[in-house]
């Protein structure tokens, strides 16, 4: 009876050791898989952080450009208001009839300046990134 009990306990011990070895091997495989996943996730997080930094830098650049455009708009509106006040003071029709050469030269020069400015501000390549040299 003692020998049978020893065999049964020995068999249970071998089964427990075999089961424990299998479970430890399974856990080691899980740990390896999780470490691989962690490396992949850390790499992706780093890429996302770099992407966010680039996006924020672009936002800053766009904000600078918007501020510049807003100041140019404000200056243009001041010019418009100044010109409106000037034109409100003068009767250009009467002056053009009295001195057509004087008015024609001034209008031609002003029109040329306006067209040059219009070409400059509507240039489609004005916001292209310029290569930076360090």
C-alpha atoms as a PDB file:
ATOM      1  CA  UNK A   1       0.000   0.000   0.000  1.00  0.00           C
ATOM      2  CA  UNK A   2       2.850   2.364   0.817  1.00  0.00           C
ATOM      3  CA  UNK A   3       4.476   1.612  -2.511  1.00  0.00           C
ATOM      4  CA  UNK A   4       1.280   2.455  -4.464  1.00  0.00           C
ATOM      5  CA  UNK A   5       0.933   5.666  -2.497  1.00  0.00           C
ATOM      6  CA  UNK A   6       4.535   6.570  -3.333  1.00  0.00           C
ATOM      7  CA  UNK A   7       3.895   5.845  -7.022  1.00  0.00           C
ATOM      8  CA  UNK A   8       0.746   7.971  -7.040  1.00  0.00           C
ATOM      9  CA  UNK A   9       2.472  10.827  -5.209  1.00  0.00           C
ATOM     10  CA  UNK A  10       5.504  10.494  -7.502  1.00  0.00           C
ATOM     11  CA  UNK A  11       3.222  10.623 -10.558  1.00  0.00           C
ATOM     12  CA  UNK A  12       1.451  13.698  -9.202  1.00  0.00           C
ATOM     13  CA  UNK A  13       4.835  15.294  -8.514  1.00  0.00           C
ATOM     14  CA  UNK A  14       6.024  14.593 -12.091  1.00  0.00           C
ATOM     15  CA  UNK A  15       2.706  15.947 -13.496  1.00  0.00           C
ATOM     16  CA  UNK A  16       3.003  19.074 -11.325  1.00  0.00           C
ATOM     17  CA  UNK A  17       6.609  19.662 -12.391  1.00  0.00           C
ATOM     18  CA  UNK A  18       5.708  19.101 -16.070  1.00  0.00           C
ATOM     19  CA  UNK A  19       2.698  21.420 -15.752  1.00  0.00           C
ATOM     20  CA  UNK A  20       4.791  24.051 -14.004  1.00  0.00           C
ATOM     21  CA  UNK A  21       7.486  23.839 -16.698  1.00  0.00           C
ATOM     22  CA  UNK A  22       4.862  24.233 -19.420  1.00  0.00           C
ATOM     23  CA  UNK A  23       3.266  27.190 -17.605  1.00  0.00           C
ATOM     24  CA  UNK A  24       6.647  28.885 -17.061  1.00  0.00           C
ATOM     25  CA  UNK A  25       7.487  28.425 -20.755  1.00  0.00           C
ATOM     26  CA  UNK A  26       4.066  29.822 -21.707  1.00  0.00           C
ATOM     27  CA  UNK A  27       4.613  32.855 -19.431  1.00  0.00           C
ATOM     28  CA  UNK A  28       8.081  33.424 -20.921  1.00  0.00           C
ATOM     29  CA  UNK A  29       6.538  33.450 -24.424  1.00  0.00           C
ATOM     30  CA  UNK A  30       3.904  35.920 -23.213  1.00  0.00           C
ATOM     31  CA  UNK A  31       6.587  38.162 -21.711  1.00  0.00           C
ATOM     32  CA  UNK A  32       8.557  38.095 -24.965  1.00  0.00           C
ATOM     33  CA  UNK A  33       5.450  38.985 -26.955  1.00  0.00           C
ATOM     34  CA  UNK A  34       4.556  41.802 -24.552  1.00  0.00           C
ATOM     35  CA  UNK A  35       8.095  43.212 -24.665  1.00  0.00           C
ATOM     36  CA  UNK A  36       7.930  43.214 -28.475  1.00  0.00           C
ATOM     37  CA  UNK A  37       4.568  44.976 -28.353  1.00  0.00           C
ATOM     38  CA  UNK A  38       5.967  47.504 -25.885  1.00  0.00           C
ATOM     39  CA  UNK A  39       8.870  48.316 -28.218  1.00  0.00           C
ATOM     40  CA  UNK A  40       6.468  48.766 -31.138  1.00  0.00           C
ATOM     41  CA  UNK A  41       4.173  50.984 -29.071  1.00  0.00           C
ATOM     42  CA  UNK A  42       7.050  53.112 -27.788  1.00  0.00           C
ATOM     43  CA  UNK A  43       8.254  53.587 -31.363  1.00  0.00           C
ATOM     44  CA  UNK A  44       4.770  54.590 -32.490  1.00  0.00           C
ATOM     45  CA  UNK A  45       4.408  56.984 -29.556  1.00  0.00           C
ATOM     46  CA  UNK A  46       7.714  58.589 -30.477  1.00  0.00           C
ATOM     47  CA  UNK A  47       6.547  58.974 -34.096  1.00  0.00           C
ATOM     48  CA  UNK A  48       3.269  60.484 -32.918  1.00  0.00           C
ATOM     49  CA  UNK A  49       5.093  62.918 -30.633  1.00  0.00           C
ATOM     50  CA  UNK A  50       7.330  63.999 -33.521  1.00  0.00           C
ATOM     51  CA  UNK A  51       4.270  64.396 -35.719  1.00  0.00           C
ATOM     52  CA  UNK A  52       2.583  66.528 -33.066  1.00  0.00           C
ATOM     53  CA  UNK A  53       5.698  68.681 -32.728  1.00  0.00           C
ATOM     54  CA  UNK A  54       5.819  69.214 -36.506  1.00  0.00           C
ATOM     55  CA  UNK A  55       2.123  70.073 -36.514  1.00  0.00           C
ATOM     56  CA  UNK A  56       2.566  72.591 -33.698  1.00  0.00           C
ATOM     57  CA  UNK A  57       5.519  74.157 -35.526  1.00  0.00           C
ATOM     58  CA  UNK A  58       3.400  74.472 -38.664  1.00  0.00           C
ATOM     59  CA  UNK A  59       0.635  76.047 -36.607  1.00  0.00           C
ATOM     60  CA  UNK A  60       3.099  78.584 -35.213  1.00  0.00           C
ATOM     61  CA  UNK A  61       4.303  79.413 -38.724  1.00  0.00           C
ATOM     62  CA  UNK A  62       0.740  79.796 -39.942  1.00  0.00           C
ATOM     63  CA  UNK A  63      -0.064  82.040 -37.007  1.00  0.00           C
ATOM     64  CA  UNK A  64       2.950  84.220 -37.825  1.00  0.00           C
ATOM     65  CA  UNK A  65       1.808  84.442 -41.449  1.00  0.00           C
ATOM     66  CA  UNK A  66      -1.743  85.273 -40.355  1.00  0.00           C
ATOM     67  CA  UNK A  67      -0.451  87.999 -38.044  1.00  0.00           C
ATOM     68  CA  UNK A  68       1.641  89.407 -40.882  1.00  0.00           C
ATOM     69  CA  UNK A  69      -1.326  89.348 -43.248  1.00  0.00           C
ATOM     70  CA  UNK A  70      -3.498  90.986 -40.597  1.00  0.00           C
ATOM     71  CA  UNK A  71      -0.976  93.811 -40.116  1.00  0.00           C
ATOM     72  CA  UNK A  72      -0.733  94.262 -43.898  1.00  0.00           C
ATOM     73  CA  UNK A  73      -4.539  94.355 -44.068  1.00  0.00           C
ATOM     74  CA  UNK A  74      -4.651  96.937 -41.296  1.00  0.00           C
ATOM     75  CA  UNK A  75      -2.065  99.085 -43.122  1.00  0.00           C
ATOM     76  CA  UNK A  76      -4.026  98.744 -46.371  1.00  0.00           C
ATOM     77  CA  UNK A  77      -7.235  99.786 -44.618  1.00  0.00           C
ATOM     78  CA  UNK A  78      -5.458 102.829 -43.206  1.00  0.00           C
ATOM     79  CA  UNK A  79      -4.321 103.719 -46.730  1.00  0.00           C
ATOM     80  CA  UNK A  80      -7.857 103.250 -48.034  1.00  0.00           C
ATOM     81  CA  UNK A  81      -9.265 105.471 -45.314  1.00  0.00           C
ATOM     82  CA  UNK A  82      -6.584 108.103 -45.959  1.00  0.00           C
ATOM     83  CA  UNK A  83      -7.335 108.044 -49.698  1.00  0.00           C
ATOM     84  CA  UNK A  84     -11.073 108.266 -49.082  1.00  0.00           C
ATOM     85  CA  UNK A  85     -10.532 111.357 -46.963  1.00  0.00           C
ATOM     86  CA  UNK A  86      -8.275 112.829 -49.660  1.00  0.00           C
ATOM     87  CA  UNK A  87     -10.755 112.115 -52.437  1.00  0.00           C
ATOM     88  CA  UNK A  88     -13.609 113.465 -50.345  1.00  0.00           C
ATOM     89  CA  UNK A  89     -11.761 116.812 -50.116  1.00  0.00           C
ATOM     90  CA  UNK A  90     -11.129 117.158 -53.875  1.00  0.00           C
ATOM     91  CA  UNK A  91     -13.394 117.277 -56.869  1.00  0.00           C
ATOM     92  CA  UNK A  92     -11.420 115.061 -59.263  1.00  0.00           C
ATOM     93  CA  UNK A  93     -13.882 115.465 -62.133  1.00  0.00           C
ATOM     94  CA  UNK A  94     -13.396 119.218 -62.227  1.00  0.00           C
ATOM     95  CA  UNK A  95      -9.611 118.851 -61.823  1.00  0.00           C
ATOM     96  CA  UNK A  96      -9.418 116.232 -64.614  1.00  0.00           C
ATOM     97  CA  UNK A  97     -11.310 118.523 -66.978  1.00  0.00           C
ATOM     98  CA  UNK A  98      -9.130 121.497 -66.078  1.00  0.00           C
ATOM     99  CA  UNK A  99      -5.726 119.705 -66.151  1.00  0.00           C
ATOM    100  CA  UNK A 100      -6.030 116.332 -67.909  1.00  0.00           C
ATOM    101  CA  UNK A 101      -2.245 115.766 -68.335  1.00  0.00           C
ATOM    102  CA  UNK A 102      -1.560 116.192 -64.636  1.00  0.00           C
ATOM    103  CA  UNK A 103      -4.252 113.746 -63.581  1.00  0.00           C
ATOM    104  CA  UNK A 104      -3.435 111.197 -66.324  1.00  0.00           C
ATOM    105  CA  UNK A 105       0.236 110.889 -65.297  1.00  0.00           C
ATOM    106  CA  UNK A 106      -0.627 110.455 -61.639  1.00  0.00           C
ATOM    107  CA  UNK A 107      -3.330 107.895 -62.368  1.00  0.00           C
ATOM    108  CA  UNK A 108      -1.011 105.897 -64.642  1.00  0.00           C
ATOM    109  CA  UNK A 109       1.757 105.815 -62.006  1.00  0.00           C
ATOM    110  CA  UNK A 110      -0.682 104.868 -59.251  1.00  0.00           C
ATOM    111  CA  UNK A 111      -2.258 102.168 -61.437  1.00  0.00           C
ATOM    112  CA  UNK A 112       1.165 100.691 -62.155  1.00  0.00           C
ATOM    113  CA  UNK A 113       1.946 100.593 -58.405  1.00  0.00           C
ATOM    114  CA  UNK A 114      -1.410  98.991 -57.635  1.00  0.00           C
ATOM    115  CA  UNK A 115      -0.912  96.329 -60.320  1.00  0.00           C
ATOM    116  CA  UNK A 116       2.623  95.541 -59.075  1.00  0.00           C
ATOM    117  CA  UNK A 117       1.331  95.214 -55.522  1.00  0.00           C
ATOM    118  CA  UNK A 118      -1.580  93.060 -56.693  1.00  0.00           C
ATOM    119  CA  UNK A 119       0.801  90.757 -58.570  1.00  0.00           C
ATOM    120  CA  UNK A 120       2.997  90.508 -55.487  1.00  0.00           C
ATOM    121  CA  UNK A 121       0.217  89.624 -53.045  1.00  0.00           C
ATOM    122  CA  UNK A 122      -1.467  87.164 -55.416  1.00  0.00           C
ATOM    123  CA  UNK A 123       1.737  85.311 -56.259  1.00  0.00           C
ATOM    124  CA  UNK A 124       0.903  81.606 -55.764  1.00  0.00           C
ATOM    125  CA  UNK A 125       4.489  80.762 -54.773  1.00  0.00           C
ATOM    126  CA  UNK A 126       4.794  83.366 -52.009  1.00  0.00           C
ATOM    127  CA  UNK A 127       4.135  80.816 -49.258  1.00  0.00           C
ATOM    128  CA  UNK A 128       6.326  78.038 -50.640  1.00  0.00           C
ATOM    129  CA  UNK A 129       8.867  76.840 -48.140  1.00  0.00           C
ATOM    130  CA  UNK A 130      12.285  78.223 -48.863  1.00  0.00           C
ATOM    131  CA  UNK A 131      15.289  75.963 -48.290  1.00  0.00           C
ATOM    132  CA  UNK A 132      17.051  76.819 -45.070  1.00  0.00           C
ATOM    133  CA  UNK A 133      20.822  76.887 -44.834  1.00  0.00           C
ATOM    134  CA  UNK A 134      22.524  76.318 -41.532  1.00  0.00           C
END
